C-alpha atoms as a PDB file:
ATOM      1  CA  MET A   1       0.000   0.000   0.000  1.00  0.00           C
ATOM      2  CA  ASP A   2       1.259   3.459  -0.876  1.00  0.00           C
ATOM      3  CA  ILE A   3      -1.391   6.188  -0.909  1.00  0.00           C
ATOM      4  CA  THR A   4      -0.624   9.910  -1.075  1.00  0.00           C
ATOM      5  CA  VAL A   5      -3.274  12.626  -0.804  1.00  0.00           C
ATOM      6  CA  GLN A   6      -3.353  16.364  -0.229  1.00  0.00           C
ATOM      7  CA  TYR A   7      -5.836  17.707   2.266  1.00  0.00           C
ATOM      8  CA  GLU A   8      -6.535  20.705   4.476  1.00  0.00           C
ATOM      9  CA  PRO A   9      -8.477  19.829   7.632  1.00  0.00           C
ATOM     10  CA  THR A  10     -10.878  22.393   9.024  1.00  0.00           C
ATOM     11  CA  THR A  11     -10.766  23.533  12.634  1.00  0.00           C
ATOM     12  CA  ASP A  12     -14.072  21.760  13.295  1.00  0.00           C
ATOM     13  CA  GLU A  13     -12.708  18.478  11.907  1.00  0.00           C
ATOM     14  CA  VAL A  14      -9.631  18.682  14.123  1.00  0.00           C
ATOM     15  CA  VAL A  15     -11.765  19.431  17.186  1.00  0.00           C
ATOM     16  CA  ARG A  16     -14.160  16.566  16.372  1.00  0.00           C
ATOM     17  CA  ALA A  17     -11.294  14.121  15.883  1.00  0.00           C
ATOM     18  CA  PHE A  18      -9.657  14.962  19.196  1.00  0.00           C
ATOM     19  CA  SER A  19     -12.996  15.079  21.000  1.00  0.00           C
ATOM     20  CA  GLN A  20     -13.815  11.606  19.709  1.00  0.00           C
ATOM     21  CA  GLY A  21     -10.349  10.411  20.704  1.00  0.00           C
ATOM     22  CA  LEU A  22     -10.765  11.754  24.227  1.00  0.00           C
ATOM     23  CA  ARG A  23     -14.401  10.654  24.590  1.00  0.00           C
ATOM     24  CA  ARG A  24     -13.656   7.493  26.614  1.00  0.00           C
ATOM     25  CA  GLN A  25     -11.395   9.313  29.042  1.00  0.00           C
ATOM     26  CA  LEU A  26     -13.779  12.248  29.410  1.00  0.00           C
ATOM     27  CA  THR A  27     -16.715   9.918  30.022  1.00  0.00           C
ATOM     28  CA  ALA A  28     -14.869   8.321  32.942  1.00  0.00           C
ATOM     29  CA  VAL A  29     -13.837  11.692  34.400  1.00  0.00           C
ATOM     30  CA  TYR A  30     -17.349  13.094  34.083  1.00  0.00           C
ATOM     31  CA  ALA A  31     -18.890   9.952  35.615  1.00  0.00           C
ATOM     32  CA  VAL A  32     -16.645  10.273  38.677  1.00  0.00           C
ATOM     33  CA  LEU A  33     -17.333  14.015  38.941  1.00  0.00           C
ATOM     34  CA  VAL A  34     -21.101  13.531  38.732  1.00  0.00           C
ATOM     35  CA  ALA A  35     -21.020  10.664  41.255  1.00  0.00           C
ATOM     36  CA  VAL A  36     -19.004  12.726  43.748  1.00  0.00           C
ATOM     37  CA  LEU A  37     -21.338  15.708  43.356  1.00  0.00           C
ATOM     38  CA  ILE A  38     -24.455  13.562  43.794  1.00  0.00           C
ATOM     39  CA  VAL A  39     -23.042  11.897  46.916  1.00  0.00           C
ATOM     40  CA  GLY A  40     -22.054  15.335  48.208  1.00  0.00           C
ATOM     41  CA  ALA A  41     -25.550  16.660  47.498  1.00  0.00           C
ATOM     42  CA  SER A  42     -27.060  13.727  49.395  1.00  0.00           C
ATOM     43  CA  VAL A  43     -24.844  14.492  52.391  1.00  0.00           C
ATOM     44  CA  MET A  44     -25.849  18.158  52.227  1.00  0.00           C
ATOM     45  CA  PHE A  45     -29.561  17.266  52.211  1.00  0.00           C
ATOM     46  CA  VAL A  46     -29.095  14.836  55.136  1.00  0.00           C
ATOM     47  CA  THR A  47     -27.148  17.443  57.141  1.00  0.00           C
ATOM     48  CA  ASP A  48     -29.923  19.984  56.558  1.00  0.00           C
ATOM     49  CA  ASN A  49     -28.050  22.168  54.065  1.00  0.00           C
ATOM     50  CA  PRO A  50     -30.444  22.103  51.079  1.00  0.00           C
ATOM     51  CA  ALA A  51     -28.987  25.166  49.324  1.00  0.00           C
ATOM     52  CA  MET A  52     -25.572  23.515  49.053  1.00  0.00           C
ATOM     53  CA  GLY A  53     -27.220  20.232  48.003  1.00  0.00           C
ATOM     54  CA  ILE A  54     -29.136  21.956  45.217  1.00  0.00           C
ATOM     55  CA  GLY A  55     -25.942  23.704  44.109  1.00  0.00           C
ATOM     56  CA  MET A  56     -24.146  20.369  43.907  1.00  0.00           C
ATOM     57  CA  LEU A  57     -26.983  18.819  41.897  1.00  0.00           C
ATOM     58  CA  VAL A  58     -26.922  21.738  39.465  1.00  0.00           C
ATOM     59  CA  ALA A  59     -23.126  21.419  39.193  1.00  0.00           C
ATOM     60  CA  SER A  60     -23.487  17.694  38.447  1.00  0.00           C
ATOM     61  CA  VAL A  61     -25.535  18.604  35.367  1.00  0.00           C
ATOM     62  CA  LEU A  62     -23.686  21.725  34.251  1.00  0.00           C
ATOM     63  CA  GLY A  63     -20.143  20.488  34.988  1.00  0.00           C
ATOM     64  CA  PRO A  64     -19.867  18.030  32.078  1.00  0.00           C
ATOM     65  CA  LEU A  65     -21.552  20.486  29.700  1.00  0.00           C
ATOM     66  CA  ALA A  66     -19.165  23.267  30.684  1.00  0.00           C
ATOM     67  CA  GLY A  67     -16.222  20.856  30.446  1.00  0.00           C
ATOM     68  CA  ASN A  68     -17.107  19.878  26.869  1.00  0.00           C
ATOM     69  CA  TRP A  69     -17.559  23.506  25.870  1.00  0.00           C
ATOM     70  CA  TRP A  70     -14.210  24.478  27.415  1.00  0.00           C
ATOM     71  CA  LEU A  71     -12.410  21.538  25.784  1.00  0.00           C
ATOM     72  CA  ARG A  72     -13.747  22.424  22.343  1.00  0.00           C
ATOM     73  CA  LYS A  73     -12.811  26.096  22.786  1.00  0.00           C
ATOM     74  CA  ARG A  74      -9.267  25.244  23.909  1.00  0.00           C
ATOM     75  CA  ALA A  75      -8.850  22.691  21.138  1.00  0.00           C
ATOM     76  CA  ARG A  76      -9.818  25.282  18.523  1.00  0.00           C
ATOM     77  CA  GLN A  77      -7.170  27.656  19.895  1.00  0.00           C
ATOM     78  CA  GLN A  78      -4.444  25.079  20.440  1.00  0.00           C
ATOM     79  CA  LEU A  79      -4.880  22.906  17.354  1.00  0.00           C
ATOM     80  CA  SER A  80      -5.382  25.520  14.641  1.00  0.00           C
ATOM     81  CA  PHE A  81      -1.797  24.899  13.473  1.00  0.00           C
ATOM     82  CA  LEU A  82      -3.073  21.580  12.058  1.00  0.00           C
ATOM     83  CA  CYS A  83      -5.483  23.398   9.715  1.00  0.00           C
ATOM     84  CA  VAL A  84      -3.037  23.960   6.882  1.00  0.00           C
ATOM     85  CA  PRO A  85      -2.509  22.269   3.525  1.00  0.00           C
ATOM     86  CA  THR A  86      -1.169  18.820   4.344  1.00  0.00           C
ATOM     87  CA  THR A  87       0.216  15.961   2.289  1.00  0.00           C
ATOM     88  CA  VAL A  88      -0.651  12.605   3.844  1.00  0.00           C
ATOM     89  CA  ARG A  89       1.151   9.451   2.717  1.00  0.00           C
ATOM     90  CA  VAL A  90      -0.058   6.092   4.047  1.00  0.00           C
ATOM     91  CA  THR A  91       2.161   3.043   3.480  1.00  0.00           C
ATOM     92  CA  ASP A  92       2.516  -0.479   4.834  1.00  0.00           C
ATOM     93  CA  ASP A  93       5.095   0.849   7.308  1.00  0.00           C
ATOM     94  CA  GLY A  94       3.180   3.852   8.666  1.00  0.00           C
ATOM     95  CA  TYR A  95       2.109   7.288   7.601  1.00  0.00           C
ATOM     96  CA  ASP A  96       3.636  10.723   6.986  1.00  0.00           C
ATOM     97  CA  CYS A  97       1.951  14.101   7.340  1.00  0.00           C
ATOM     98  CA  ARG A  98       3.827  16.982   5.752  1.00  0.00           C
ATOM     99  CA  THR A  99       3.063  20.687   5.851  1.00  0.00           C
ATOM    100  CA  ASP A 100       5.193  23.725   5.075  1.00  0.00           C
ATOM    101  CA  GLU A 101       6.007  23.934   8.797  1.00  0.00           C
ATOM    102  CA  SER A 102       6.370  20.312   9.920  1.00  0.00           C
ATOM    103  CA  THR A 103       6.775  16.663   9.041  1.00  0.00           C
ATOM    104  CA  THR A 104       5.386  13.853  11.164  1.00  0.00           C
ATOM    105  CA  THR A 105       6.240  10.222  10.472  1.00  0.00           C
ATOM    106  CA  MET A 106       4.723   7.443  12.567  1.00  0.00           C
ATOM    107  CA  ARG A 107       5.086   3.675  12.149  1.00  0.00           C
ATOM    108  CA  TRP A 108       2.061   1.406  12.587  1.00  0.00           C
ATOM    109  CA  THR A 109       3.900  -0.611  15.256  1.00  0.00           C
ATOM    110  CA  MET A 110       3.809   2.465  17.460  1.00  0.00           C
ATOM    111  CA  PHE A 111       0.009   2.418  17.794  1.00  0.00           C
ATOM    112  CA  SER A 112      -1.702   0.288  20.399  1.00  0.00           C
ATOM    113  CA  ASN A 113      -5.105   0.741  18.794  1.00  0.00           C
ATOM    114  CA  VAL A 114      -6.834   2.285  15.810  1.00  0.00           C
ATOM    115  CA  ILE A 115     -10.498   3.226  16.120  1.00  0.00           C
ATOM    116  CA  SER A 116     -12.381   3.456  12.857  1.00  0.00           C
ATOM    117  CA  THR A 117     -15.239   5.957  12.880  1.00  0.00           C
ATOM    118  CA  PRO A 118     -17.373   7.186   9.971  1.00  0.00           C
ATOM    119  CA  GLU A 119     -15.249  10.340   9.799  1.00  0.00           C
ATOM    120  CA  PHE A 120     -11.755   9.387  11.009  1.00  0.00           C
ATOM    121  CA  TRP A 121      -9.226   6.738  11.841  1.00  0.00           C
ATOM    122  CA  LEU A 122      -8.239   7.612  15.408  1.00  0.00           C
ATOM    123  CA  LEU A 123      -4.747   6.421  16.316  1.00  0.00           C
ATOM    124  CA  PHE A 124      -3.874   5.627  19.942  1.00  0.00           C
ATOM    125  CA  VAL A 125      -0.611   5.097  21.788  1.00  0.00           C
ATOM    126  CA  ASN A 126      -1.052   3.458  25.211  1.00  0.00           C
ATOM    127  CA  LYS A 127      -4.795   4.252  25.213  1.00  0.00           C
ATOM    128  CA  GLN A 128      -4.069   7.951  24.589  1.00  0.00           C
ATOM    129  CA  PRO A 129      -5.214   9.631  21.356  1.00  0.00           C
ATOM    130  CA  ALA A 130      -2.078  10.411  19.366  1.00  0.00           C
ATOM    131  CA  ALA A 131      -3.208  11.254  15.842  1.00  0.00           C
ATOM    132  CA  PHE A 132      -6.001  10.947  13.334  1.00  0.00           C
ATOM    133  CA  LEU A 133      -6.437  10.433   9.636  1.00  0.00           C
ATOM    134  CA  PRO A 134      -9.519  12.072   8.104  1.00  0.00           C
ATOM    135  CA  ARG A 135     -11.500   9.725   5.880  1.00  0.00           C
ATOM    136  CA  ALA A 136     -12.592  12.711   3.747  1.00  0.00           C
ATOM    137  CA  ALA A 137      -9.029  13.048   2.486  1.00  0.00           C
ATOM    138  CA  PHE A 138      -9.259   9.637   0.776  1.00  0.00           C
ATOM    139  CA  ASP A 139     -11.556   8.361  -1.968  1.00  0.00           C
ATOM    140  CA  ALA A 140     -13.737   5.273  -1.382  1.00  0.00           C
ATOM    141  CA  ALA A 141     -11.210   2.820  -2.880  1.00  0.00           C
ATOM    142  CA  GLN A 142      -8.385   4.249  -0.763  1.00  0.00           C
ATOM    143  CA  GLN A 143     -10.565   4.089   2.363  1.00  0.00           C
ATOM    144  CA  ALA A 144     -11.355   0.438   1.654  1.00  0.00           C
ATOM    145  CA  GLU A 145      -7.658  -0.321   1.144  1.00  0.00           C
ATOM    146  CA  ILE A 146      -6.703   1.370   4.421  1.00  0.00           C
ATOM    147  CA  ASP A 147      -9.574  -0.334   6.287  1.00  0.00           C
ATOM    148  CA  GLY A 148      -8.485  -3.719   4.917  1.00  0.00           C
ATOM    149  CA  PHE A 149      -4.857  -3.109   5.843  1.00  0.00           C
ATOM    150  CA  LEU A 150      -5.695  -2.014   9.385  1.00  0.00           C
ATOM    151  CA  ALA A 151      -8.130  -4.898   9.875  1.00  0.00           C
ATOM    152  CA  ALA A 152      -5.427  -7.355   8.787  1.00  0.00           C
ATOM    153  CA  ARG A 153      -3.124  -5.873  11.432  1.00  0.00           C
ATOM    154  CA  GLY A 154      -5.784  -6.703  14.040  1.00  0.00           C
ATOM    155  CA  SER A 155      -5.581  -3.392  15.909  1.00  0.00           C
ATOM    156  CA  VAL A 156      -8.759  -1.809  14.606  1.00  0.00           C
ATOM    157  CA  GLY A 157     -11.794  -1.159  16.755  1.00  0.00           C
ATOM    158  CA  VAL A 158     -15.029   0.415  15.648  1.00  0.00           C
ATOM    159  CA  GLY A 159     -15.860   3.772  17.181  1.00  0.00           C
ATOM    160  CA  ASP A 160     -19.207   5.371  17.747  1.00  0.00           C
ATOM    161  CA  GLY A 161     -18.007   8.658  16.286  1.00  0.00           C
END
């Protein structure tokens, strides 16, 4: 396999890719946060402090929403450098992303997992999102070739993205 394409990701695509990559970790963090706030609210109601209990219940709902909003805002600011014309080359050994400012080369053996979503291939190192390849950059035949290659490697999961 040796596929080369030119592509310019949008800010929204970059944010969606990293949000999808972080989704599992964020879900766990938010679940713990909500559980702690609900337990705290219960204690406040039992100790006859309903105002604090109500505040904790409200925070248990608004906290994850505010966290997602903040993450997306920060990602747009921090990751805009990725939104430039990019040449992506995918080979049997790995992939290269080249821009006027940088070159990134990663070998497939480096990735612990690849999650295939309808929009991206999300690449993970030690359960941490490390990179993504946008499906929109590749035509249908190239997508099928990449999917087949990754499936043969046995490291591909299916995401809910």
